[in-house]
Amino acid sequence: MTFPQNTPSIDQMINLPAGEIAQLPVELLAALQREIDAAAKQMKAVAARFSTALEVRYAARAAEARRACGKDTGTVRIVDGDFTVVADLPKRVEWDQAKLAAMVERIRAAGEDPAEYVEISFKVPERAYAAWPEAIRQGFEPARTVKTSTLKVELLAQEDRA
């Protein structure tokens, strides 16, 4: 399907009011959605390639700068010409939950308060909650709050529906 010459490009859409875009014909909205999805996919690939290029250029120098500071992770600054390169290697720590639970029990058994050493939280998987008998769900209901996320709308042509 061809669209009028005054159809907004994705570059022009950034300045259009959402209400104006909402009034476009559904066929045009679907075409724009496909174009935006393709551009987003391309931009994600470009950003990944660019990030890899920066890593190739600066990873070794950043690692050396971290070593010189006596650290394995964190932020270092490198001068490259008229620019300061900020290279951050975040630390991501994971804890074995079963071993932590055992430690919490040992701390309790020793008469100490585990909350002084660890943060303890409880979670209930929503699928498990939905499968519970009604009587058990009712007991947990006061502790449960349901929030919604952002609405996602996708336009599918009639032949694309499954």
N, C-alpha and C. Protein backbone atom coordinates (compact mmCIF):
# COMPACT_ATOMS: atom_id res chain seq x y z
N MET A 1 0.85 -1.18 0.00
CA MET A 1 0.00 0.00 0.00
C MET A 1 0.89 1.23 0.00
N THR A 2 0.61 2.18 -0.86
CA THR A 2 1.37 3.43 -0.90
C THR A 2 0.65 4.46 -0.04
N PHE A 3 1.43 5.34 0.53
CA PHE A 3 0.89 6.35 1.43
C PHE A 3 1.12 7.74 0.86
N PRO A 4 0.34 8.72 1.30
CA PRO A 4 0.49 10.09 0.79
C PRO A 4 1.90 10.63 1.01
N GLN A 5 2.26 11.62 0.21
CA GLN A 5 3.58 12.23 0.30
C GLN A 5 3.81 12.89 1.66
N ASN A 6 2.73 13.31 2.32
CA ASN A 6 2.89 14.00 3.60
C ASN A 6 2.92 13.04 4.80
N THR A 7 3.13 11.76 4.53
CA THR A 7 3.26 10.78 5.61
C THR A 7 4.52 11.10 6.41
N PRO A 8 4.41 11.17 7.74
CA PRO A 8 5.60 11.52 8.53
C PRO A 8 6.64 10.41 8.52
N SER A 9 7.89 10.82 8.47
CA SER A 9 8.98 9.85 8.58
C SER A 9 9.22 9.59 10.07
N ILE A 10 9.97 8.55 10.37
CA ILE A 10 10.24 8.28 11.79
C ILE A 10 11.08 9.41 12.39
N ASP A 11 11.89 10.10 11.59
CA ASP A 11 12.65 11.25 12.09
C ASP A 11 11.73 12.42 12.43
N GLN A 12 10.66 12.59 11.67
CA GLN A 12 9.72 13.68 11.92
C GLN A 12 8.78 13.37 13.09
N MET A 13 8.54 12.10 13.34
CA MET A 13 7.57 11.71 14.37
C MET A 13 7.97 12.19 15.77
N ILE A 14 9.26 12.37 16.01
CA ILE A 14 9.71 12.79 17.34
C ILE A 14 9.12 14.14 17.73
N ASN A 15 8.80 14.97 16.73
CA ASN A 15 8.25 16.30 17.00
C ASN A 15 6.73 16.38 16.88
N LEU A 16 6.09 15.29 16.48
CA LEU A 16 4.64 15.30 16.34
C LEU A 16 3.97 14.98 17.67
N PRO A 17 2.88 15.66 17.99
CA PRO A 17 2.14 15.32 19.21
C PRO A 17 1.57 13.90 19.10
N ALA A 18 1.57 13.17 20.20
CA ALA A 18 1.07 11.80 20.21
C ALA A 18 -0.37 11.74 19.71
N GLY A 19 -1.18 12.74 20.03
CA GLY A 19 -2.57 12.77 19.59
C GLY A 19 -2.69 12.82 18.08
N GLU A 20 -1.77 13.54 17.44
CA GLU A 20 -1.77 13.65 15.98
C GLU A 20 -1.38 12.31 15.35
N ILE A 21 -0.39 11.67 15.93
CA ILE A 21 0.03 10.35 15.42
C ILE A 21 -1.10 9.35 15.60
N ALA A 22 -1.79 9.43 16.74
CA ALA A 22 -2.89 8.50 17.03
C ALA A 22 -4.00 8.59 16.00
N GLN A 23 -4.15 9.73 15.34
CA GLN A 23 -5.23 9.92 14.37
C GLN A 23 -4.89 9.40 12.98
N LEU A 24 -3.66 8.96 12.77
CA LEU A 24 -3.28 8.43 11.45
C LEU A 24 -4.05 7.15 11.17
N PRO A 25 -4.28 6.82 9.90
CA PRO A 25 -4.98 5.57 9.56
C PRO A 25 -4.21 4.36 10.11
N VAL A 26 -4.94 3.34 10.53
CA VAL A 26 -4.33 2.16 11.14
C VAL A 26 -3.31 1.51 10.22
N GLU A 27 -3.56 1.51 8.91
CA GLU A 27 -2.60 0.92 7.97
C GLU A 27 -1.27 1.67 8.02
N LEU A 28 -1.35 3.00 8.14
CA LEU A 28 -0.14 3.80 8.22
C LEU A 28 0.56 3.58 9.57
N LEU A 29 -0.23 3.47 10.64
CA LEU A 29 0.36 3.18 11.95
C LEU A 29 1.11 1.85 11.93
N ALA A 30 0.51 0.84 11.30
CA ALA A 30 1.16 -0.47 11.21
C ALA A 30 2.45 -0.38 10.40
N ALA A 31 2.43 0.36 9.29
CA ALA A 31 3.64 0.52 8.47
C ALA A 31 4.71 1.26 9.25
N LEU A 32 4.31 2.31 9.97
CA LEU A 32 5.28 3.05 10.79
C LEU A 32 5.84 2.18 11.91
N GLN A 33 4.99 1.35 12.50
CA GLN A 33 5.46 0.45 13.55
C GLN A 33 6.52 -0.51 13.02
N ARG A 34 6.29 -1.05 11.82
CA ARG A 34 7.29 -1.95 11.22
C ARG A 34 8.59 -1.20 10.94
N GLU A 35 8.46 0.02 10.44
CA GLU A 35 9.65 0.83 10.14
C GLU A 35 10.42 1.16 11.43
N ILE A 36 9.70 1.51 12.47
CA ILE A 36 10.34 1.82 13.76
C ILE A 36 11.01 0.59 14.33
N ASP A 37 10.33 -0.57 14.27
CA ASP A 37 10.93 -1.81 14.77
C ASP A 37 12.21 -2.15 14.02
N ALA A 38 12.20 -1.98 12.70
CA ALA A 38 13.39 -2.26 11.90
C ALA A 38 14.52 -1.29 12.24
N ALA A 39 14.17 -0.01 12.43
CA ALA A 39 15.18 1.00 12.78
C ALA A 39 15.75 0.71 14.17
N ALA A 40 14.88 0.30 15.10
CA ALA A 40 15.35 -0.01 16.46
C ALA A 40 16.29 -1.21 16.44
N LYS A 41 15.94 -2.22 15.64
CA LYS A 41 16.80 -3.41 15.52
C LYS A 41 18.15 -3.02 14.93
N GLN A 42 18.12 -2.18 13.91
CA GLN A 42 19.36 -1.73 13.28
C GLN A 42 20.19 -0.91 14.27
N MET A 43 19.54 -0.01 15.01
CA MET A 43 20.26 0.83 15.96
C MET A 43 20.86 -0.01 17.09
N LYS A 44 20.15 -1.04 17.50
CA LYS A 44 20.69 -1.94 18.53
C LYS A 44 21.95 -2.63 18.02
N ALA A 45 21.93 -3.07 16.76
CA ALA A 45 23.10 -3.72 16.17
C ALA A 45 24.26 -2.74 16.02
N VAL A 46 23.95 -1.51 15.61
CA VAL A 46 24.99 -0.48 15.47
C VAL A 46 25.60 -0.16 16.83
N ALA A 47 24.75 -0.02 17.85
CA ALA A 47 25.23 0.29 19.20
C ALA A 47 26.12 -0.83 19.73
N ALA A 48 25.73 -2.08 19.47
CA ALA A 48 26.54 -3.23 19.90
C ALA A 48 27.90 -3.24 19.19
N ARG A 49 27.89 -2.95 17.90
CA ARG A 49 29.14 -2.92 17.14
C ARG A 49 30.05 -1.81 17.65
N PHE A 50 29.46 -0.63 17.90
CA PHE A 50 30.23 0.51 18.39
C PHE A 50 30.80 0.22 19.78
N SER A 51 29.99 -0.38 20.63
CA SER A 51 30.44 -0.74 21.97
C SER A 51 31.61 -1.72 21.91
N THR A 52 31.52 -2.69 20.99
CA THR A 52 32.61 -3.65 20.81
C THR A 52 33.87 -2.94 20.32
N ALA A 53 33.71 -1.99 19.44
CA ALA A 53 34.88 -1.24 18.93
C ALA A 53 35.55 -0.47 20.07
N LEU A 54 34.75 0.15 20.93
CA LEU A 54 35.33 0.88 22.07
C LEU A 54 36.04 -0.09 23.01
N GLU A 55 35.45 -1.26 23.19
CA GLU A 55 36.08 -2.27 24.04
C GLU A 55 37.41 -2.72 23.44
N VAL A 56 37.43 -2.95 22.13
CA VAL A 56 38.68 -3.35 21.45
C VAL A 56 39.74 -2.27 21.65
N ARG A 57 39.33 -1.02 21.53
CA ARG A 57 40.29 0.09 21.63
C ARG A 57 40.78 0.32 23.05
N TYR A 58 39.89 0.19 24.06
CA TYR A 58 40.25 0.64 25.40
C TYR A 58 40.33 -0.44 26.48
N ALA A 59 39.90 -1.66 26.23
CA ALA A 59 39.85 -2.69 27.27
C ALA A 59 41.21 -2.95 27.91
N ALA A 60 42.23 -3.13 27.10
CA ALA A 60 43.55 -3.44 27.65
C ALA A 60 44.10 -2.27 28.47
N ARG A 61 43.93 -1.04 27.96
CA ARG A 61 44.40 0.13 28.70
C ARG A 61 43.63 0.31 30.00
N ALA A 62 42.35 0.03 29.96
CA ALA A 62 41.53 0.15 31.17
C ALA A 62 41.93 -0.91 32.19
N ALA A 63 42.18 -2.11 31.73
CA ALA A 63 42.61 -3.19 32.63
C ALA A 63 43.95 -2.83 33.28
N GLU A 64 44.84 -2.27 32.51
CA GLU A 64 46.14 -1.85 33.05
C GLU A 64 45.96 -0.73 34.07
N ALA A 65 45.09 0.21 33.76
CA ALA A 65 44.82 1.31 34.70
C ALA A 65 44.21 0.78 36.00
N ARG A 66 43.31 -0.20 35.90
CA ARG A 66 42.73 -0.80 37.09
C ARG A 66 43.80 -1.52 37.90
N ARG A 67 44.66 -2.26 37.21
CA ARG A 67 45.75 -2.98 37.89
C ARG A 67 46.65 -1.99 38.63
N ALA A 68 46.95 -0.87 38.00
CA ALA A 68 47.80 0.14 38.62
C ALA A 68 47.15 0.72 39.87
N CYS A 69 45.83 0.73 39.90
CA CYS A 69 45.09 1.22 41.08
C CYS A 69 44.86 0.11 42.09
N GLY A 70 45.26 -1.10 41.75
CA GLY A 70 45.07 -2.22 42.66
C GLY A 70 43.64 -2.71 42.76
N LYS A 71 42.90 -2.61 41.66
CA LYS A 71 41.52 -3.09 41.69
C LYS A 71 41.20 -3.88 40.43
N ASP A 72 40.26 -4.83 40.57
CA ASP A 72 39.86 -5.68 39.45
C ASP A 72 38.65 -5.12 38.71
N THR A 73 37.83 -4.34 39.42
CA THR A 73 36.60 -3.81 38.84
C THR A 73 36.52 -2.32 39.16
N GLY A 74 35.51 -1.69 38.63
CA GLY A 74 35.28 -0.27 38.93
C GLY A 74 35.60 0.63 37.75
N THR A 75 35.65 1.92 38.05
CA THR A 75 35.83 2.94 37.03
C THR A 75 37.26 3.47 37.02
N VAL A 76 37.79 3.61 35.82
CA VAL A 76 39.09 4.26 35.64
C VAL A 76 38.96 5.29 34.53
N ARG A 77 39.83 6.26 34.55
CA ARG A 77 39.84 7.30 33.54
C ARG A 77 41.16 7.22 32.76
N ILE A 78 41.02 7.31 31.44
CA ILE A 78 42.17 7.23 30.55
C ILE A 78 42.13 8.46 29.65
N VAL A 79 43.28 9.07 29.44
CA VAL A 79 43.34 10.22 28.54
C VAL A 79 43.68 9.72 27.15
N ASP A 80 42.90 10.16 26.17
CA ASP A 80 43.15 9.83 24.77
C ASP A 80 42.98 11.13 24.00
N GLY A 81 44.11 11.76 23.66
CA GLY A 81 44.07 13.05 22.98
C GLY A 81 43.39 14.09 23.86
N ASP A 82 42.39 14.75 23.33
CA ASP A 82 41.65 15.77 24.07
C ASP A 82 40.47 15.20 24.83
N PHE A 83 40.39 13.89 24.94
CA PHE A 83 39.25 13.25 25.58
C PHE A 83 39.66 12.45 26.80
N THR A 84 38.77 12.40 27.74
CA THR A 84 38.92 11.51 28.89
C THR A 84 37.97 10.35 28.67
N VAL A 85 38.52 9.16 28.65
CA VAL A 85 37.73 7.95 28.46
C VAL A 85 37.42 7.40 29.84
N VAL A 86 36.15 7.24 30.14
CA VAL A 86 35.72 6.67 31.41
C VAL A 86 35.36 5.22 31.13
N ALA A 87 36.13 4.31 31.69
CA ALA A 87 35.91 2.87 31.47
C ALA A 87 35.45 2.25 32.78
N ASP A 88 34.23 1.76 32.80
CA ASP A 88 33.64 1.19 34.00
C ASP A 88 33.43 -0.30 33.81
N LEU A 89 33.96 -1.09 34.71
CA LEU A 89 33.75 -2.53 34.73
C LEU A 89 33.04 -2.84 36.04
N PRO A 90 31.70 -2.86 36.00
CA PRO A 90 30.94 -3.06 37.23
C PRO A 90 31.18 -4.44 37.84
N LYS A 91 31.05 -4.48 39.15
CA LYS A 91 31.14 -5.74 39.87
C LYS A 91 29.72 -6.30 39.98
N ARG A 92 29.56 -7.56 39.66
CA ARG A 92 28.25 -8.20 39.80
C ARG A 92 28.44 -9.45 40.65
N VAL A 93 27.97 -9.39 41.87
CA VAL A 93 28.14 -10.48 42.82
C VAL A 93 26.87 -11.30 42.88
N GLU A 94 27.00 -12.61 42.84
CA GLU A 94 25.87 -13.51 43.00
C GLU A 94 26.14 -14.39 44.21
N TRP A 95 25.10 -14.64 44.97
CA TRP A 95 25.21 -15.44 46.18
C TRP A 95 24.43 -16.74 46.01
N ASP A 96 25.01 -17.83 46.47
CA ASP A 96 24.33 -19.13 46.46
C ASP A 96 23.26 -19.09 47.55
N GLN A 97 22.00 -19.14 47.13
CA GLN A 97 20.89 -18.97 48.06
C GLN A 97 20.82 -20.08 49.11
N ALA A 98 21.08 -21.29 48.72
CA ALA A 98 21.03 -22.41 49.67
C ALA A 98 22.12 -22.25 50.74
N LYS A 99 23.31 -21.85 50.32
CA LYS A 99 24.40 -21.67 51.29
C LYS A 99 24.13 -20.48 52.21
N LEU A 100 23.54 -19.42 51.66
CA LEU A 100 23.17 -18.28 52.50
C LEU A 100 22.12 -18.68 53.53
N ALA A 101 21.13 -19.46 53.11
CA ALA A 101 20.09 -19.92 54.04
C ALA A 101 20.71 -20.73 55.17
N ALA A 102 21.68 -21.57 54.83
CA ALA A 102 22.37 -22.35 55.86
C ALA A 102 23.13 -21.43 56.82
N MET A 103 23.76 -20.39 56.30
CA MET A 103 24.47 -19.44 57.15
C MET A 103 23.50 -18.70 58.07
N VAL A 104 22.34 -18.32 57.54
CA VAL A 104 21.33 -17.64 58.34
C VAL A 104 20.91 -18.54 59.50
N GLU A 105 20.71 -19.82 59.22
CA GLU A 105 20.33 -20.75 60.29
C GLU A 105 21.43 -20.89 61.33
N ARG A 106 22.69 -20.92 60.91
CA ARG A 106 23.81 -21.00 61.87
C ARG A 106 23.86 -19.74 62.74
N ILE A 107 23.63 -18.59 62.13
CA ILE A 107 23.64 -17.33 62.88
C ILE A 107 22.51 -17.34 63.92
N ARG A 108 21.32 -17.78 63.50
CA ARG A 108 20.18 -17.88 64.42
C ARG A 108 20.49 -18.85 65.56
N ALA A 109 21.06 -20.00 65.21
CA ALA A 109 21.37 -21.03 66.21
C ALA A 109 22.39 -20.52 67.22
N ALA A 110 23.23 -19.59 66.80
CA ALA A 110 24.23 -19.02 67.71
C ALA A 110 23.64 -17.89 68.55
N GLY A 111 22.33 -17.63 68.36
CA GLY A 111 21.66 -16.59 69.14
C GLY A 111 21.81 -15.19 68.60
N GLU A 112 22.30 -15.07 67.39
CA GLU A 112 22.48 -13.76 66.76
C GLU A 112 21.28 -13.45 65.86
N ASP A 113 21.16 -12.20 65.46
CA ASP A 113 20.11 -11.77 64.55
C ASP A 113 20.67 -11.75 63.13
N PRO A 114 20.20 -12.64 62.25
CA PRO A 114 20.72 -12.68 60.89
C PRO A 114 20.51 -11.38 60.13
N ALA A 115 19.50 -10.59 60.49
CA ALA A 115 19.23 -9.32 59.81
C ALA A 115 20.37 -8.33 59.97
N GLU A 116 21.24 -8.56 60.95
CA GLU A 116 22.42 -7.71 61.10
C GLU A 116 23.47 -8.00 60.03
N TYR A 117 23.34 -9.15 59.37
CA TYR A 117 24.35 -9.57 58.40
C TYR A 117 23.82 -9.70 56.97
N VAL A 118 22.57 -10.08 56.84
CA VAL A 118 22.02 -10.30 55.50
C VAL A 118 20.65 -9.64 55.38
N GLU A 119 20.29 -9.30 54.14
CA GLU A 119 18.93 -8.84 53.85
C GLU A 119 18.12 -10.06 53.48
N ILE A 120 16.99 -10.20 54.11
CA ILE A 120 16.14 -11.36 53.84
C ILE A 120 14.86 -10.86 53.20
N SER A 121 14.49 -11.46 52.08
CA SER A 121 13.24 -11.10 51.42
C SER A 121 12.52 -12.37 51.01
N PHE A 122 11.23 -12.24 50.87
CA PHE A 122 10.41 -13.37 50.45
C PHE A 122 9.75 -13.02 49.13
N LYS A 123 9.62 -14.00 48.27
CA LYS A 123 8.96 -13.82 46.98
C LYS A 123 8.07 -15.02 46.73
N VAL A 124 6.98 -14.78 46.06
CA VAL A 124 6.08 -15.85 45.66
C VAL A 124 5.92 -15.78 44.15
N PRO A 125 6.35 -16.82 43.44
CA PRO A 125 6.15 -16.83 41.99
C PRO A 125 4.65 -16.76 41.68
N GLU A 126 4.27 -15.91 40.75
CA GLU A 126 2.86 -15.69 40.45
C GLU A 126 2.18 -16.97 39.94
N ARG A 127 2.89 -17.77 39.19
CA ARG A 127 2.31 -19.03 38.70
C ARG A 127 2.00 -19.97 39.86
N ALA A 128 2.90 -20.01 40.85
CA ALA A 128 2.66 -20.86 42.02
C ALA A 128 1.45 -20.34 42.79
N TYR A 129 1.39 -19.03 42.98
CA TYR A 129 0.28 -18.42 43.70
C TYR A 129 -1.05 -18.76 43.03
N ALA A 130 -1.10 -18.65 41.71
CA ALA A 130 -2.32 -18.93 40.96
C ALA A 130 -2.73 -20.40 41.08
N ALA A 131 -1.78 -21.29 41.29
CA ALA A 131 -2.07 -22.72 41.37
C ALA A 131 -2.46 -23.17 42.78
N TRP A 132 -2.26 -22.32 43.77
CA TRP A 132 -2.58 -22.69 45.15
C TRP A 132 -4.08 -22.86 45.35
N PRO A 133 -4.47 -23.66 46.33
CA PRO A 133 -5.89 -23.73 46.69
C PRO A 133 -6.36 -22.37 47.21
N GLU A 134 -7.63 -22.08 47.00
CA GLU A 134 -8.22 -20.79 47.37
C GLU A 134 -7.94 -20.42 48.84
N ALA A 135 -8.05 -21.38 49.74
CA ALA A 135 -7.86 -21.10 51.18
C ALA A 135 -6.45 -20.58 51.46
N ILE A 136 -5.47 -21.13 50.80
CA ILE A 136 -4.09 -20.68 51.02
C ILE A 136 -3.89 -19.31 50.39
N ARG A 137 -4.42 -19.12 49.18
CA ARG A 137 -4.31 -17.80 48.52
C ARG A 137 -4.91 -16.71 49.39
N GLN A 138 -6.05 -16.97 50.02
CA GLN A 138 -6.71 -15.97 50.87
C GLN A 138 -5.80 -15.54 52.02
N GLY A 139 -5.06 -16.47 52.57
CA GLY A 139 -4.14 -16.14 53.67
C GLY A 139 -3.02 -15.22 53.23
N PHE A 140 -2.59 -15.37 52.00
CA PHE A 140 -1.50 -14.55 51.47
C PHE A 140 -1.98 -13.23 50.88
N GLU A 141 -3.26 -13.14 50.58
CA GLU A 141 -3.82 -11.98 49.88
C GLU A 141 -3.44 -10.63 50.52
N PRO A 142 -3.47 -10.47 51.85
CA PRO A 142 -3.13 -9.17 52.42
C PRO A 142 -1.68 -8.73 52.15
N ALA A 143 -0.80 -9.67 51.87
CA ALA A 143 0.60 -9.35 51.61
C ALA A 143 0.88 -9.09 50.13
N ARG A 144 -0.14 -9.22 49.29
CA ARG A 144 0.04 -9.16 47.84
C ARG A 144 -0.49 -7.84 47.29
N THR A 145 0.32 -7.18 46.47
CA THR A 145 -0.09 -5.98 45.76
C THR A 145 0.18 -6.22 44.28
N VAL A 146 -0.80 -5.94 43.45
CA VAL A 146 -0.64 -6.11 42.01
C VAL A 146 -0.50 -4.74 41.37
N LYS A 147 0.57 -4.56 40.61
CA LYS A 147 0.79 -3.33 39.86
C LYS A 147 0.88 -3.70 38.39
N THR A 148 0.62 -2.75 37.53
CA THR A 148 0.73 -3.02 36.11
C THR A 148 1.97 -2.35 35.55
N SER A 149 2.40 -2.86 34.43
CA SER A 149 3.53 -2.29 33.72
C SER A 149 2.98 -1.39 32.61
N THR A 150 3.81 -1.08 31.65
CA THR A 150 3.40 -0.24 30.54
C THR A 150 2.64 -1.05 29.51
N LEU A 151 1.55 -0.49 29.01
CA LEU A 151 0.75 -1.14 27.97
C LEU A 151 1.58 -1.25 26.69
N LYS A 152 1.57 -2.42 26.10
CA LYS A 152 2.25 -2.63 24.82
C LYS A 152 1.19 -2.95 23.79
N VAL A 153 1.16 -2.21 22.71
CA VAL A 153 0.18 -2.41 21.65
C VAL A 153 0.93 -2.78 20.38
N GLU A 154 0.50 -3.85 19.73
CA GLU A 154 1.11 -4.28 18.48
C GLU A 154 0.01 -4.36 17.44
N LEU A 155 0.27 -3.86 16.26
CA LEU A 155 -0.70 -3.89 15.17
C LEU A 155 -0.37 -5.05 14.24
N LEU A 156 -1.32 -5.95 14.06
CA LEU A 156 -1.13 -7.10 13.18
C LEU A 156 -2.18 -7.08 12.09
N ALA A 157 -1.75 -7.27 10.87
CA ALA A 157 -2.71 -7.38 9.76
C ALA A 157 -3.53 -8.64 9.98
N GLN A 158 -4.75 -8.65 9.49
CA GLN A 158 -5.66 -9.79 9.71
C GLN A 158 -5.02 -11.12 9.35
N GLU A 159 -4.26 -11.18 8.27
CA GLU A 159 -3.64 -12.44 7.85
C GLU A 159 -2.48 -12.85 8.74
N ASP A 160 -1.94 -11.91 9.57
CA ASP A 160 -0.81 -12.21 10.45
C ASP A 160 -1.26 -12.81 11.78
N ARG A 161 -2.55 -12.76 12.09
CA ARG A 161 -3.01 -13.24 13.39
C ARG A 161 -2.89 -14.75 13.46
N ALA A 162 -2.49 -15.19 14.60
CA ALA A 162 -2.35 -16.65 14.79
C ALA A 162 -3.47 -17.19 15.66
